[in-house]
N, C-alpha and C. Protein backbone atom coordinates (compact mmCIF):
# COMPACT_ATOMS: atom_id res chain seq x y z
N MET A 1 107.93 99.35 133.67
CA MET A 1 107.78 98.23 132.76
C MET A 1 106.48 98.35 131.96
N ARG A 2 105.42 98.75 132.64
CA ARG A 2 104.12 98.85 131.99
C ARG A 2 104.11 99.95 130.93
N ASP A 3 104.83 101.05 131.20
CA ASP A 3 104.91 102.13 130.22
C ASP A 3 105.67 101.70 128.96
N ARG A 4 106.68 100.87 129.15
CA ARG A 4 107.45 100.38 127.99
C ARG A 4 106.58 99.48 127.11
N VAL A 5 105.76 98.66 127.74
CA VAL A 5 104.88 97.77 126.97
C VAL A 5 103.87 98.60 126.18
N LYS A 6 103.31 99.63 126.81
CA LYS A 6 102.36 100.52 126.12
C LYS A 6 103.03 101.23 124.95
N LEU A 7 104.25 101.71 125.18
CA LEU A 7 104.99 102.38 124.12
C LEU A 7 105.29 101.43 122.96
N LEU A 8 105.73 100.22 123.30
CA LEU A 8 106.02 99.22 122.27
C LEU A 8 104.77 98.88 121.47
N LEU A 9 103.64 98.67 122.14
CA LEU A 9 102.39 98.36 121.45
C LEU A 9 101.94 99.53 120.57
N THR A 10 102.14 100.74 121.05
CA THR A 10 101.77 101.91 120.26
C THR A 10 102.63 102.02 119.01
N VAL A 11 103.93 101.81 119.16
CA VAL A 11 104.84 101.89 118.01
C VAL A 11 104.52 100.79 117.00
N VAL A 12 104.29 99.57 117.46
CA VAL A 12 103.96 98.47 116.56
C VAL A 12 102.61 98.74 115.88
N GLY A 13 101.64 99.22 116.63
CA GLY A 13 100.34 99.54 116.05
C GLY A 13 100.43 100.63 114.99
N MET A 14 101.21 101.67 115.25
CA MET A 14 101.37 102.74 114.26
C MET A 14 102.10 102.24 113.02
N ALA A 15 103.09 101.38 113.21
CA ALA A 15 103.81 100.81 112.07
C ALA A 15 102.88 99.96 111.20
N LEU A 16 102.03 99.17 111.84
CA LEU A 16 101.07 98.36 111.09
C LEU A 16 100.05 99.24 110.37
N LEU A 17 99.61 100.30 111.02
CA LEU A 17 98.66 101.22 110.40
C LEU A 17 99.28 101.89 109.18
N LEU A 18 100.51 102.35 109.29
CA LEU A 18 101.18 102.98 108.16
C LEU A 18 101.42 102.00 107.02
N ALA A 19 101.77 100.77 107.36
CA ALA A 19 102.00 99.76 106.33
C ALA A 19 100.71 99.40 105.62
N ALA A 20 99.60 99.36 106.35
CA ALA A 20 98.31 99.03 105.75
C ALA A 20 97.81 100.13 104.83
N CYS A 21 98.19 101.36 105.08
CA CYS A 21 97.72 102.50 104.29
C CYS A 21 98.63 102.83 103.11
N ALA A 22 99.70 102.08 102.93
CA ALA A 22 100.62 102.37 101.84
C ALA A 22 99.95 102.09 100.50
N ALA A 23 100.14 102.99 99.58
CA ALA A 23 99.53 102.83 98.25
C ALA A 23 100.28 101.77 97.46
N GLY A 24 99.53 100.98 96.73
CA GLY A 24 100.12 99.95 95.88
C GLY A 24 100.08 100.39 94.43
N GLY A 25 100.75 99.67 93.60
CA GLY A 25 100.77 99.97 92.18
C GLY A 25 99.45 99.61 91.52
N ASN A 26 99.10 100.35 90.50
CA ASN A 26 97.88 100.09 89.76
C ASN A 26 98.29 99.65 88.36
N THR A 27 98.58 98.37 88.22
CA THR A 27 99.08 97.85 86.95
C THR A 27 97.98 97.69 85.91
N ALA A 28 96.71 97.70 86.34
CA ALA A 28 95.61 97.48 85.41
C ALA A 28 95.07 98.79 84.84
N ARG A 29 95.72 99.90 85.10
CA ARG A 29 95.25 101.20 84.64
C ARG A 29 95.13 101.23 83.13
N SER A 30 94.08 101.82 82.65
CA SER A 30 93.77 101.95 81.22
C SER A 30 93.50 100.62 80.53
N VAL A 31 93.28 99.58 81.30
CA VAL A 31 92.92 98.29 80.75
C VAL A 31 91.44 98.07 81.02
N ALA A 32 90.68 97.74 80.01
CA ALA A 32 89.24 97.56 80.17
C ALA A 32 88.94 96.34 81.04
N ASN A 33 87.83 96.42 81.78
CA ASN A 33 87.41 95.28 82.58
C ASN A 33 86.75 94.24 81.69
N SER A 34 86.11 93.23 82.27
CA SER A 34 85.53 92.15 81.48
C SER A 34 84.38 92.61 80.60
N HIS A 35 83.77 93.76 80.91
CA HIS A 35 82.69 94.31 80.10
C HIS A 35 83.19 95.31 79.06
N GLY A 36 84.47 95.56 79.03
CA GLY A 36 85.05 96.49 78.06
C GLY A 36 85.00 97.94 78.48
N HIS A 37 84.79 98.22 79.78
CA HIS A 37 84.69 99.59 80.26
C HIS A 37 85.93 100.00 81.04
N VAL A 38 86.26 101.27 80.91
CA VAL A 38 87.33 101.88 81.70
C VAL A 38 86.70 103.04 82.47
N ALA A 39 86.89 103.06 83.78
CA ALA A 39 86.28 104.09 84.63
C ALA A 39 86.95 105.43 84.38
N GLY A 40 86.14 106.49 84.28
CA GLY A 40 86.65 107.83 84.05
C GLY A 40 86.30 108.77 85.20
N PHE A 41 86.29 110.06 84.90
CA PHE A 41 86.07 111.09 85.91
C PHE A 41 84.73 110.94 86.61
N TRP A 42 83.65 110.76 85.86
CA TRP A 42 82.32 110.74 86.47
C TRP A 42 82.11 109.53 87.35
N LEU A 43 82.62 108.39 86.95
CA LEU A 43 82.52 107.21 87.80
C LEU A 43 83.40 107.37 89.04
N GLY A 44 84.54 108.01 88.89
CA GLY A 44 85.39 108.29 90.04
C GLY A 44 84.71 109.22 91.02
N LEU A 45 84.01 110.24 90.50
CA LEU A 45 83.27 111.17 91.35
C LEU A 45 82.20 110.43 92.14
N TRP A 46 81.45 109.57 91.46
CA TRP A 46 80.39 108.81 92.12
C TRP A 46 80.97 107.84 93.15
N GLN A 47 82.01 107.12 92.78
CA GLN A 47 82.59 106.15 93.70
C GLN A 47 83.27 106.82 94.89
N GLY A 48 83.78 108.02 94.71
CA GLY A 48 84.32 108.76 95.85
C GLY A 48 83.23 109.18 96.81
N ALA A 49 82.07 109.55 96.28
CA ALA A 49 80.96 109.97 97.13
C ALA A 49 80.39 108.82 97.93
N ILE A 50 80.37 107.63 97.36
CA ILE A 50 79.81 106.47 98.07
C ILE A 50 80.88 105.61 98.74
N ALA A 51 82.10 106.11 98.83
CA ALA A 51 83.22 105.33 99.36
C ALA A 51 82.99 104.79 100.77
N PRO A 52 82.44 105.57 101.73
CA PRO A 52 82.25 104.99 103.07
C PRO A 52 81.28 103.81 103.08
N ILE A 53 80.21 103.91 102.31
CA ILE A 53 79.24 102.82 102.24
C ILE A 53 79.87 101.62 101.55
N THR A 54 80.59 101.88 100.47
CA THR A 54 81.25 100.81 99.74
C THR A 54 82.29 100.12 100.61
N PHE A 55 82.98 100.89 101.43
CA PHE A 55 83.98 100.29 102.33
C PHE A 55 83.32 99.32 103.30
N LEU A 56 82.21 99.73 103.88
CA LEU A 56 81.51 98.84 104.82
C LEU A 56 81.03 97.56 104.13
N ILE A 57 80.50 97.69 102.94
CA ILE A 57 80.04 96.51 102.21
C ILE A 57 81.22 95.62 101.83
N SER A 58 82.36 96.22 101.48
CA SER A 58 83.52 95.44 101.07
C SER A 58 84.11 94.61 102.21
N LEU A 59 83.81 94.97 103.45
CA LEU A 59 84.27 94.17 104.58
C LEU A 59 83.61 92.81 104.62
N PHE A 60 82.38 92.72 104.08
CA PHE A 60 81.62 91.49 104.16
C PHE A 60 81.44 90.80 102.81
N SER A 61 81.91 91.41 101.73
CA SER A 61 81.74 90.83 100.40
C SER A 61 83.06 90.90 99.63
N ASN A 62 83.37 89.82 98.93
CA ASN A 62 84.58 89.79 98.12
C ASN A 62 84.34 90.36 96.72
N HIS A 63 83.10 90.68 96.39
CA HIS A 63 82.75 91.15 95.05
C HIS A 63 82.64 92.67 94.96
N VAL A 64 82.87 93.37 96.06
CA VAL A 64 82.75 94.84 96.08
C VAL A 64 84.11 95.42 96.43
N ASN A 65 84.58 96.38 95.62
CA ASN A 65 85.84 97.07 95.86
C ASN A 65 85.58 98.56 96.05
N VAL A 66 86.39 99.21 96.85
CA VAL A 66 86.25 100.64 97.09
C VAL A 66 86.76 101.43 95.89
N TYR A 67 87.82 100.96 95.27
CA TYR A 67 88.51 101.70 94.21
C TYR A 67 88.51 100.86 92.94
N GLU A 68 88.14 101.46 91.84
CA GLU A 68 88.11 100.76 90.55
C GLU A 68 89.52 100.74 89.96
N VAL A 69 90.07 99.55 89.79
CA VAL A 69 91.43 99.45 89.26
C VAL A 69 91.46 99.62 87.75
N HIS A 70 90.35 99.41 87.08
CA HIS A 70 90.28 99.59 85.63
C HIS A 70 89.83 101.02 85.35
N ASN A 71 90.76 101.96 85.50
CA ASN A 71 90.42 103.37 85.34
C ASN A 71 91.35 104.02 84.32
N ASN A 72 91.00 105.27 83.96
CA ASN A 72 91.79 105.97 82.95
C ASN A 72 92.88 106.84 83.55
N GLY A 73 93.18 106.65 84.82
CA GLY A 73 94.32 107.34 85.41
C GLY A 73 93.97 108.53 86.25
N ASN A 74 94.61 109.65 85.96
CA ASN A 74 94.50 110.83 86.81
C ASN A 74 93.10 111.42 86.87
N TRP A 75 92.34 111.34 85.78
CA TRP A 75 90.98 111.90 85.83
C TRP A 75 90.09 111.11 86.77
N TYR A 76 90.23 109.79 86.78
CA TYR A 76 89.47 108.98 87.73
C TYR A 76 89.89 109.31 89.15
N ASN A 77 91.19 109.42 89.39
CA ASN A 77 91.69 109.75 90.72
C ASN A 77 91.17 111.10 91.19
N PHE A 78 91.18 112.09 90.29
CA PHE A 78 90.68 113.42 90.63
C PHE A 78 89.20 113.37 90.99
N GLY A 79 88.42 112.65 90.21
CA GLY A 79 87.00 112.51 90.49
C GLY A 79 86.75 111.80 91.81
N PHE A 80 87.54 110.77 92.09
CA PHE A 80 87.37 110.02 93.34
C PHE A 80 87.64 110.91 94.55
N VAL A 81 88.74 111.64 94.51
CA VAL A 81 89.10 112.52 95.62
C VAL A 81 88.09 113.66 95.75
N LEU A 82 87.66 114.21 94.63
CA LEU A 82 86.66 115.28 94.66
C LEU A 82 85.34 114.77 95.23
N GLY A 83 84.92 113.58 94.84
CA GLY A 83 83.69 113.00 95.36
C GLY A 83 83.78 112.74 96.86
N ALA A 84 84.90 112.24 97.32
CA ALA A 84 85.07 112.01 98.76
C ALA A 84 85.11 113.34 99.51
N GLY A 85 85.72 114.36 98.91
CA GLY A 85 85.77 115.67 99.55
C GLY A 85 84.40 116.33 99.63
N ILE A 86 83.61 116.17 98.59
CA ILE A 86 82.26 116.73 98.60
C ILE A 86 81.43 116.05 99.68
N LEU A 87 81.60 114.75 99.82
CA LEU A 87 80.84 114.00 100.81
C LEU A 87 81.12 114.49 102.23
N PHE A 88 82.35 114.79 102.52
CA PHE A 88 82.73 115.18 103.87
C PHE A 88 82.74 116.69 104.07
N GLY A 89 82.05 117.44 103.26
CA GLY A 89 81.90 118.87 103.46
C GLY A 89 82.79 119.71 102.59
N GLY A 90 83.91 119.21 102.15
CA GLY A 90 84.78 119.93 101.24
C GLY A 90 85.28 121.25 101.76
N GLY A 91 85.39 121.41 103.04
CA GLY A 91 85.90 122.65 103.61
C GLY A 91 84.85 123.74 103.74
N ALA A 92 83.58 123.38 103.63
CA ALA A 92 82.51 124.38 103.71
C ALA A 92 82.47 125.07 105.07
N PHE A 93 82.90 124.37 106.08
CA PHE A 93 82.86 124.96 107.42
C PHE A 93 84.23 125.45 107.87
N GLY A 94 85.13 125.62 106.93
CA GLY A 94 86.48 126.06 107.25
C GLY A 94 86.52 127.47 107.81
N LYS A 95 85.63 128.32 107.34
CA LYS A 95 85.59 129.69 107.82
C LYS A 95 84.15 130.02 108.17
N ARG A 96 83.90 130.21 109.43
CA ARG A 96 82.57 130.55 109.88
C ARG A 96 82.51 132.04 110.21
N ARG A 97 81.42 132.64 109.88
CA ARG A 97 81.26 134.06 110.17
C ARG A 97 80.80 134.23 111.62
N LYS A 98 81.35 135.24 112.24
CA LYS A 98 80.96 135.53 113.60
C LYS A 98 79.68 136.36 113.59
N LYS A 99 78.82 136.01 114.53
CA LYS A 99 77.58 136.76 114.64
C LYS A 99 77.85 138.08 115.38
N ARG A 100 77.30 139.15 114.85
CA ARG A 100 77.43 140.44 115.52
C ARG A 100 76.25 140.66 116.42
N ARG A 101 76.52 141.22 117.55
CA ARG A 101 75.44 141.47 118.52
C ARG A 101 75.00 142.89 118.47
């Protein structure tokens, strides 16, 4: 009985995790914000690099978002992903050289 409860909780938890991570539509793309700006590649690169810090701040503030919805589309997305990848090493340690003795 106890194993079934653990399995059920695990399945429900995974379902909630997958539902929370589902991407939503970005209907405001290419629409300027209240200041008349649309985020591009460079802002996406910067926001990708600071994403973990921004995420922590966004937990406690309603005025901070991790992702800029007023963006120019694929270039912003590319910059965001590239910035996040650079922050986490970008595969620099994917292949390590063996030391010869």
